[in-house]
Amino acid sequence: MFDISGFQGQNCSENIDDCAQGLCDPNHTLRCVDGIASYTCVCHPGFMGVFCEIDIDECLEHRCIENATCVDMANGYRYDL
């Protein structure tokens, strides 16, 4: 017996668009790539996670300059003195 999950229609030949569920974060996702009973959210730079819901903290990757505060931004950072 064949596993037909992820398909619909006559003879189960139509792939269900899993992206239609809209689970990817609409503000941080470039596009959703449909698979078979799966999908992949392709994130904007500076975001990650299954749904592109996590803002990457670029301050963690950079050394602070003396007497400055690192401020995380979308796909970047700045120093406030």
N, C-alpha and C. Protein backbone atom coordinates (compact mmCIF):
# COMPACT_ATOMS: atom_id res chain seq x y z
N MET A 1 0.84 -1.18 0.00
CA MET A 1 0.00 0.00 0.00
C MET A 1 0.89 1.25 0.00
N PHE A 2 0.50 2.25 -0.75
CA PHE A 2 1.26 3.48 -0.86
C PHE A 2 0.79 4.50 0.16
N ASP A 3 1.73 5.29 0.66
CA ASP A 3 1.40 6.40 1.56
C ASP A 3 0.98 7.57 0.68
N ILE A 4 -0.28 8.00 0.82
CA ILE A 4 -0.79 9.08 -0.02
C ILE A 4 -0.94 10.38 0.76
N SER A 5 -0.34 10.46 1.95
CA SER A 5 -0.46 11.70 2.71
C SER A 5 0.18 12.85 1.94
N GLY A 6 -0.45 13.99 2.01
CA GLY A 6 0.05 15.15 1.29
C GLY A 6 -0.55 15.32 -0.09
N PHE A 7 -1.46 14.42 -0.48
CA PHE A 7 -2.08 14.50 -1.80
C PHE A 7 -3.59 14.50 -1.67
N GLN A 8 -4.25 15.02 -2.71
CA GLN A 8 -5.70 15.05 -2.76
C GLN A 8 -6.15 14.93 -4.20
N GLY A 9 -7.44 14.95 -4.42
CA GLY A 9 -8.00 14.93 -5.77
C GLY A 9 -8.17 13.53 -6.30
N GLN A 10 -8.64 13.49 -7.55
CA GLN A 10 -8.87 12.21 -8.19
C GLN A 10 -7.56 11.45 -8.30
N ASN A 11 -7.57 10.23 -7.88
CA ASN A 11 -6.40 9.35 -7.88
C ASN A 11 -5.27 9.88 -6.98
N CYS A 12 -5.62 10.79 -6.07
CA CYS A 12 -4.63 11.36 -5.13
C CYS A 12 -3.39 11.86 -5.88
N SER A 13 -3.59 12.55 -6.97
CA SER A 13 -2.47 12.99 -7.81
C SER A 13 -2.13 14.47 -7.64
N GLU A 14 -2.90 15.19 -6.82
CA GLU A 14 -2.68 16.63 -6.63
C GLU A 14 -2.01 16.89 -5.29
N ASN A 15 -0.82 17.47 -5.33
CA ASN A 15 -0.08 17.80 -4.11
C ASN A 15 -0.82 18.91 -3.36
N ILE A 16 -1.08 18.70 -2.09
CA ILE A 16 -1.72 19.73 -1.27
C ILE A 16 -0.70 20.83 -1.00
N ASP A 17 -1.11 22.08 -1.19
CA ASP A 17 -0.23 23.22 -0.94
C ASP A 17 -0.17 23.47 0.57
N ASP A 18 0.87 22.95 1.21
CA ASP A 18 1.03 23.10 2.65
C ASP A 18 1.34 24.54 3.04
N CYS A 19 1.81 25.34 2.11
CA CYS A 19 2.09 26.75 2.39
C CYS A 19 0.80 27.54 2.57
N ALA A 20 -0.30 27.04 2.04
CA ALA A 20 -1.58 27.74 2.12
C ALA A 20 -2.05 27.89 3.57
N GLN A 21 -1.49 27.10 4.48
CA GLN A 21 -1.85 27.20 5.89
C GLN A 21 -1.37 28.52 6.50
N GLY A 22 -0.40 29.16 5.86
CA GLY A 22 0.11 30.44 6.32
C GLY A 22 0.83 30.39 7.65
N LEU A 23 1.59 29.34 7.90
CA LEU A 23 2.27 29.20 9.18
C LEU A 23 3.58 29.97 9.25
N CYS A 24 4.18 30.30 8.11
CA CYS A 24 5.40 31.09 8.11
C CYS A 24 5.08 32.52 8.56
N ASP A 25 5.98 33.11 9.35
CA ASP A 25 5.78 34.49 9.81
C ASP A 25 5.74 35.41 8.60
N PRO A 26 4.63 36.07 8.33
CA PRO A 26 4.51 36.88 7.11
C PRO A 26 5.44 38.09 7.09
N ASN A 27 5.90 38.55 8.23
CA ASN A 27 6.78 39.72 8.29
C ASN A 27 8.25 39.37 8.10
N HIS A 28 8.61 38.10 8.29
CA HIS A 28 10.02 37.72 8.28
C HIS A 28 10.35 36.62 7.28
N THR A 29 9.40 36.27 6.43
CA THR A 29 9.58 35.18 5.48
C THR A 29 9.66 35.71 4.06
N LEU A 30 10.70 35.31 3.33
CA LEU A 30 10.82 35.67 1.91
C LEU A 30 9.81 34.89 1.08
N ARG A 31 9.74 33.59 1.34
CA ARG A 31 8.80 32.74 0.61
C ARG A 31 8.64 31.42 1.35
N CYS A 32 7.58 30.74 1.02
CA CYS A 32 7.32 29.39 1.54
C CYS A 32 7.49 28.42 0.38
N VAL A 33 8.24 27.36 0.62
CA VAL A 33 8.48 26.34 -0.41
C VAL A 33 7.67 25.10 -0.03
N ASP A 34 6.72 24.76 -0.88
CA ASP A 34 5.86 23.62 -0.64
C ASP A 34 6.59 22.32 -0.94
N GLY A 35 6.39 21.33 -0.08
CA GLY A 35 6.92 19.99 -0.31
C GLY A 35 5.77 19.00 -0.35
N ILE A 36 6.05 17.76 -0.11
CA ILE A 36 5.01 16.75 -0.03
C ILE A 36 4.73 16.50 1.44
N ALA A 37 3.56 16.94 1.89
CA ALA A 37 3.16 16.89 3.30
C ALA A 37 4.16 17.65 4.18
N SER A 38 4.76 18.70 3.62
CA SER A 38 5.71 19.52 4.36
C SER A 38 5.87 20.86 3.66
N TYR A 39 6.58 21.75 4.30
CA TYR A 39 6.89 23.05 3.72
C TYR A 39 8.15 23.58 4.40
N THR A 40 8.79 24.55 3.76
CA THR A 40 9.96 25.19 4.33
C THR A 40 9.79 26.69 4.22
N CYS A 41 9.95 27.40 5.33
CA CYS A 41 9.92 28.85 5.33
C CYS A 41 11.34 29.35 5.04
N VAL A 42 11.49 30.17 4.02
CA VAL A 42 12.78 30.76 3.69
C VAL A 42 12.78 32.16 4.30
N CYS A 43 13.66 32.37 5.27
CA CYS A 43 13.63 33.58 6.08
C CYS A 43 14.36 34.76 5.44
N HIS A 44 13.88 35.97 5.78
CA HIS A 44 14.62 37.19 5.45
C HIS A 44 15.94 37.12 6.20
N PRO A 45 16.99 37.76 5.67
CA PRO A 45 18.25 37.83 6.41
C PRO A 45 18.02 38.43 7.80
N GLY A 46 18.64 37.82 8.80
CA GLY A 46 18.50 38.30 10.17
C GLY A 46 17.45 37.55 10.97
N PHE A 47 16.76 36.60 10.33
CA PHE A 47 15.74 35.81 11.02
C PHE A 47 15.99 34.33 10.78
N MET A 48 15.52 33.50 11.70
CA MET A 48 15.67 32.05 11.58
C MET A 48 14.52 31.38 12.32
N GLY A 49 14.51 30.07 12.30
CA GLY A 49 13.47 29.29 12.96
C GLY A 49 12.58 28.62 11.93
N VAL A 50 11.83 27.64 12.36
CA VAL A 50 10.94 26.90 11.47
C VAL A 50 9.97 27.83 10.76
N PHE A 51 9.48 28.84 11.49
CA PHE A 51 8.50 29.78 10.93
C PHE A 51 9.12 31.16 10.67
N CYS A 52 10.44 31.29 10.76
CA CYS A 52 11.16 32.57 10.64
C CYS A 52 10.75 33.51 11.77
N GLU A 53 10.48 32.95 12.93
CA GLU A 53 9.96 33.71 14.06
C GLU A 53 11.04 34.22 15.00
N ILE A 54 12.29 33.86 14.77
CA ILE A 54 13.38 34.22 15.69
C ILE A 54 14.26 35.29 15.06
N ASP A 55 14.36 36.42 15.74
CA ASP A 55 15.25 37.50 15.32
C ASP A 55 16.65 37.14 15.81
N ILE A 56 17.60 37.02 14.89
CA ILE A 56 18.98 36.70 15.26
C ILE A 56 19.58 37.92 15.94
N ASP A 57 20.17 37.72 17.11
CA ASP A 57 20.79 38.81 17.86
C ASP A 57 22.23 38.99 17.38
N GLU A 58 22.42 39.93 16.43
CA GLU A 58 23.74 40.16 15.87
C GLU A 58 24.72 40.71 16.91
N CYS A 59 24.21 41.25 18.01
CA CYS A 59 25.10 41.76 19.06
C CYS A 59 25.91 40.63 19.70
N LEU A 60 25.38 39.42 19.67
CA LEU A 60 26.10 38.29 20.26
C LEU A 60 27.37 37.95 19.48
N GLU A 61 27.43 38.35 18.22
CA GLU A 61 28.56 38.02 17.36
C GLU A 61 29.61 39.12 17.31
N HIS A 62 29.35 40.26 17.93
CA HIS A 62 30.26 41.40 17.81
C HIS A 62 30.71 41.88 19.19
N ARG A 63 31.94 42.31 19.23
CA ARG A 63 32.48 42.86 20.48
C ARG A 63 31.95 44.27 20.65
N CYS A 64 31.59 44.60 21.86
CA CYS A 64 31.14 45.94 22.17
C CYS A 64 32.34 46.88 22.23
N ILE A 65 32.15 48.07 21.74
CA ILE A 65 33.20 49.07 21.89
C ILE A 65 33.05 49.71 23.26
N GLU A 66 34.12 50.25 23.78
CA GLU A 66 34.15 50.77 25.15
C GLU A 66 33.05 51.80 25.38
N ASN A 67 32.33 51.64 26.49
CA ASN A 67 31.25 52.54 26.92
C ASN A 67 30.09 52.62 25.94
N ALA A 68 29.89 51.60 25.13
CA ALA A 68 28.80 51.61 24.17
C ALA A 68 27.84 50.46 24.48
N THR A 69 26.63 50.62 24.01
CA THR A 69 25.62 49.58 24.14
C THR A 69 25.29 49.09 22.74
N CYS A 70 25.34 47.79 22.55
CA CYS A 70 25.00 47.20 21.25
C CYS A 70 23.47 47.08 21.19
N VAL A 71 22.90 47.57 20.10
CA VAL A 71 21.45 47.50 19.88
C VAL A 71 21.20 46.59 18.68
N ASP A 72 20.48 45.48 18.93
CA ASP A 72 20.15 44.54 17.87
C ASP A 72 19.09 45.16 16.97
N MET A 73 19.28 44.99 15.66
CA MET A 73 18.31 45.46 14.68
C MET A 73 18.01 44.29 13.74
N ALA A 74 17.03 44.45 12.87
CA ALA A 74 16.72 43.41 11.89
C ALA A 74 17.89 43.29 10.92
N ASN A 75 18.58 42.18 10.95
CA ASN A 75 19.72 41.88 10.11
C ASN A 75 20.86 42.89 10.29
N GLY A 76 21.08 43.32 11.51
CA GLY A 76 22.18 44.23 11.77
C GLY A 76 22.23 44.64 13.23
N TYR A 77 23.07 45.61 13.51
CA TYR A 77 23.22 46.12 14.87
C TYR A 77 23.81 47.52 14.79
N ARG A 78 23.72 48.24 15.87
CA ARG A 78 24.37 49.54 15.96
C ARG A 78 24.86 49.73 17.39
N TYR A 79 25.78 50.65 17.56
CA TYR A 79 26.29 50.98 18.89
C TYR A 79 25.73 52.32 19.31
N ASP A 80 25.20 52.38 20.52
CA ASP A 80 24.79 53.63 21.13
C ASP A 80 25.84 54.00 22.15
N LEU A 81 26.37 55.20 22.04
CA LEU A 81 27.39 55.66 22.97
C LEU A 81 26.78 56.45 24.11
